[in-house]
Amino acid sequence: MNFVGNIGYVAVAIFGGYLAIRGEITVGNIQSFIQYNKQFTRTN
């Protein structure tokens, strides 16, 4: 599951960076998506 979570993290970072460069979203939006992704990949 950690591998899947890391893939999601990388996808959000790359695609979010692309959209931020184009000015379509902010860095804060990217951070929100990353935190949302962490909620589902956290292991206890």
N, C-alpha and C. Protein backbone atom coordinates (compact mmCIF):
# COMPACT_ATOMS: atom_id res chain seq x y z
N MET A 1 0.82 -1.20 0.00
CA MET A 1 0.00 0.00 0.00
C MET A 1 0.87 1.26 0.00
N ASN A 2 2.04 1.19 0.62
CA ASN A 2 2.91 2.36 0.61
C ASN A 2 3.34 2.71 -0.81
N PHE A 3 3.57 1.69 -1.62
CA PHE A 3 3.98 1.95 -3.00
C PHE A 3 2.88 2.69 -3.76
N VAL A 4 1.65 2.26 -3.59
CA VAL A 4 0.52 2.93 -4.25
C VAL A 4 0.39 4.36 -3.76
N GLY A 5 0.57 4.57 -2.47
CA GLY A 5 0.52 5.92 -1.91
C GLY A 5 1.61 6.80 -2.47
N ASN A 6 2.80 6.24 -2.64
CA ASN A 6 3.90 7.02 -3.21
C ASN A 6 3.65 7.36 -4.67
N ILE A 7 3.04 6.45 -5.41
CA ILE A 7 2.70 6.74 -6.80
C ILE A 7 1.70 7.89 -6.86
N GLY A 8 0.72 7.88 -5.98
CA GLY A 8 -0.26 8.97 -5.92
C GLY A 8 0.39 10.29 -5.56
N TYR A 9 1.34 10.24 -4.63
CA TYR A 9 2.06 11.44 -4.22
C TYR A 9 2.82 12.03 -5.40
N VAL A 10 3.52 11.19 -6.13
CA VAL A 10 4.30 11.65 -7.29
C VAL A 10 3.37 12.21 -8.37
N ALA A 11 2.27 11.54 -8.61
CA ALA A 11 1.33 12.01 -9.63
C ALA A 11 0.76 13.37 -9.27
N VAL A 12 0.39 13.56 -8.01
CA VAL A 12 -0.14 14.85 -7.58
C VAL A 12 0.93 15.92 -7.70
N ALA A 13 2.16 15.59 -7.31
CA ALA A 13 3.24 16.58 -7.35
C ALA A 13 3.56 17.00 -8.79
N ILE A 14 3.64 16.05 -9.70
CA ILE A 14 3.98 16.37 -11.09
C ILE A 14 2.83 17.11 -11.78
N PHE A 15 1.64 16.54 -11.70
CA PHE A 15 0.51 17.16 -12.38
C PHE A 15 0.15 18.50 -11.73
N GLY A 16 0.23 18.55 -10.41
CA GLY A 16 -0.04 19.80 -9.71
C GLY A 16 0.98 20.87 -10.05
N GLY A 17 2.24 20.48 -10.15
CA GLY A 17 3.27 21.43 -10.56
C GLY A 17 3.01 21.98 -11.95
N TYR A 18 2.61 21.11 -12.84
CA TYR A 18 2.28 21.54 -14.20
C TYR A 18 1.14 22.55 -14.21
N LEU A 19 0.09 22.25 -13.45
CA LEU A 19 -1.04 23.17 -13.40
C LEU A 19 -0.69 24.48 -12.69
N ALA A 20 0.18 24.41 -11.69
CA ALA A 20 0.59 25.63 -10.98
C ALA A 20 1.42 26.52 -11.90
N ILE A 21 2.27 25.93 -12.71
CA ILE A 21 3.05 26.72 -13.66
C ILE A 21 2.15 27.41 -14.66
N ARG A 22 1.10 26.73 -15.07
CA ARG A 22 0.14 27.34 -16.01
C ARG A 22 -0.77 28.36 -15.33
N GLY A 23 -0.76 28.40 -14.00
CA GLY A 23 -1.56 29.35 -13.25
C GLY A 23 -2.99 28.93 -13.03
N GLU A 24 -3.28 27.65 -13.21
CA GLU A 24 -4.65 27.16 -13.06
C GLU A 24 -5.00 26.81 -11.62
N ILE A 25 -4.00 26.44 -10.81
CA ILE A 25 -4.22 26.17 -9.39
C ILE A 25 -3.07 26.78 -8.60
N THR A 26 -3.24 26.83 -7.29
CA THR A 26 -2.19 27.38 -6.43
C THR A 26 -1.41 26.25 -5.77
N VAL A 27 -0.28 26.62 -5.18
CA VAL A 27 0.52 25.64 -4.46
C VAL A 27 -0.26 25.11 -3.25
N GLY A 28 -1.10 25.94 -2.67
CA GLY A 28 -1.93 25.50 -1.55
C GLY A 28 -2.88 24.38 -1.95
N ASN A 29 -3.40 24.45 -3.16
CA ASN A 29 -4.26 23.36 -3.66
C ASN A 29 -3.49 22.06 -3.78
N ILE A 30 -2.26 22.15 -4.24
CA ILE A 30 -1.43 20.95 -4.35
C ILE A 30 -1.19 20.35 -2.97
N GLN A 31 -0.89 21.20 -2.00
CA GLN A 31 -0.66 20.73 -0.64
C GLN A 31 -1.91 20.04 -0.09
N SER A 32 -3.08 20.59 -0.38
CA SER A 32 -4.33 19.98 0.08
C SER A 32 -4.51 18.59 -0.51
N PHE A 33 -4.23 18.44 -1.79
CA PHE A 33 -4.36 17.12 -2.43
C PHE A 33 -3.36 16.13 -1.84
N ILE A 34 -2.15 16.59 -1.54
CA ILE A 34 -1.15 15.70 -0.96
C ILE A 34 -1.59 15.24 0.43
N GLN A 35 -2.11 16.15 1.23
CA GLN A 35 -2.60 15.78 2.56
C GLN A 35 -3.79 14.83 2.46
N TYR A 36 -4.65 15.05 1.50
CA TYR A 36 -5.79 14.17 1.29
C TYR A 36 -5.31 12.77 0.91
N ASN A 37 -4.30 12.71 0.08
CA ASN A 37 -3.73 11.43 -0.33
C ASN A 37 -3.12 10.71 0.87
N LYS A 38 -2.46 11.44 1.76
CA LYS A 38 -1.84 10.84 2.94
C LYS A 38 -2.87 10.18 3.85
N GLN A 39 -4.07 10.72 3.91
CA GLN A 39 -5.11 10.16 4.78
C GLN A 39 -5.43 8.73 4.40
N PHE A 40 -5.34 8.41 3.14
CA PHE A 40 -5.72 7.07 2.68
C PHE A 40 -4.55 6.11 2.61
N THR A 41 -3.33 6.62 2.73
CA THR A 41 -2.16 5.73 2.65
C THR A 41 -1.49 5.56 4.00
N ARG A 42 -2.00 6.20 5.04
CA ARG A 42 -1.40 6.12 6.36
C ARG A 42 -1.65 4.74 6.94
N THR A 43 -0.59 4.13 7.46
CA THR A 43 -0.73 2.80 8.08
C THR A 43 -0.54 2.95 9.58
N ASN A 44 -1.25 2.16 10.32
CA ASN A 44 -1.14 2.19 11.79
C ASN A 44 -0.56 0.90 12.29
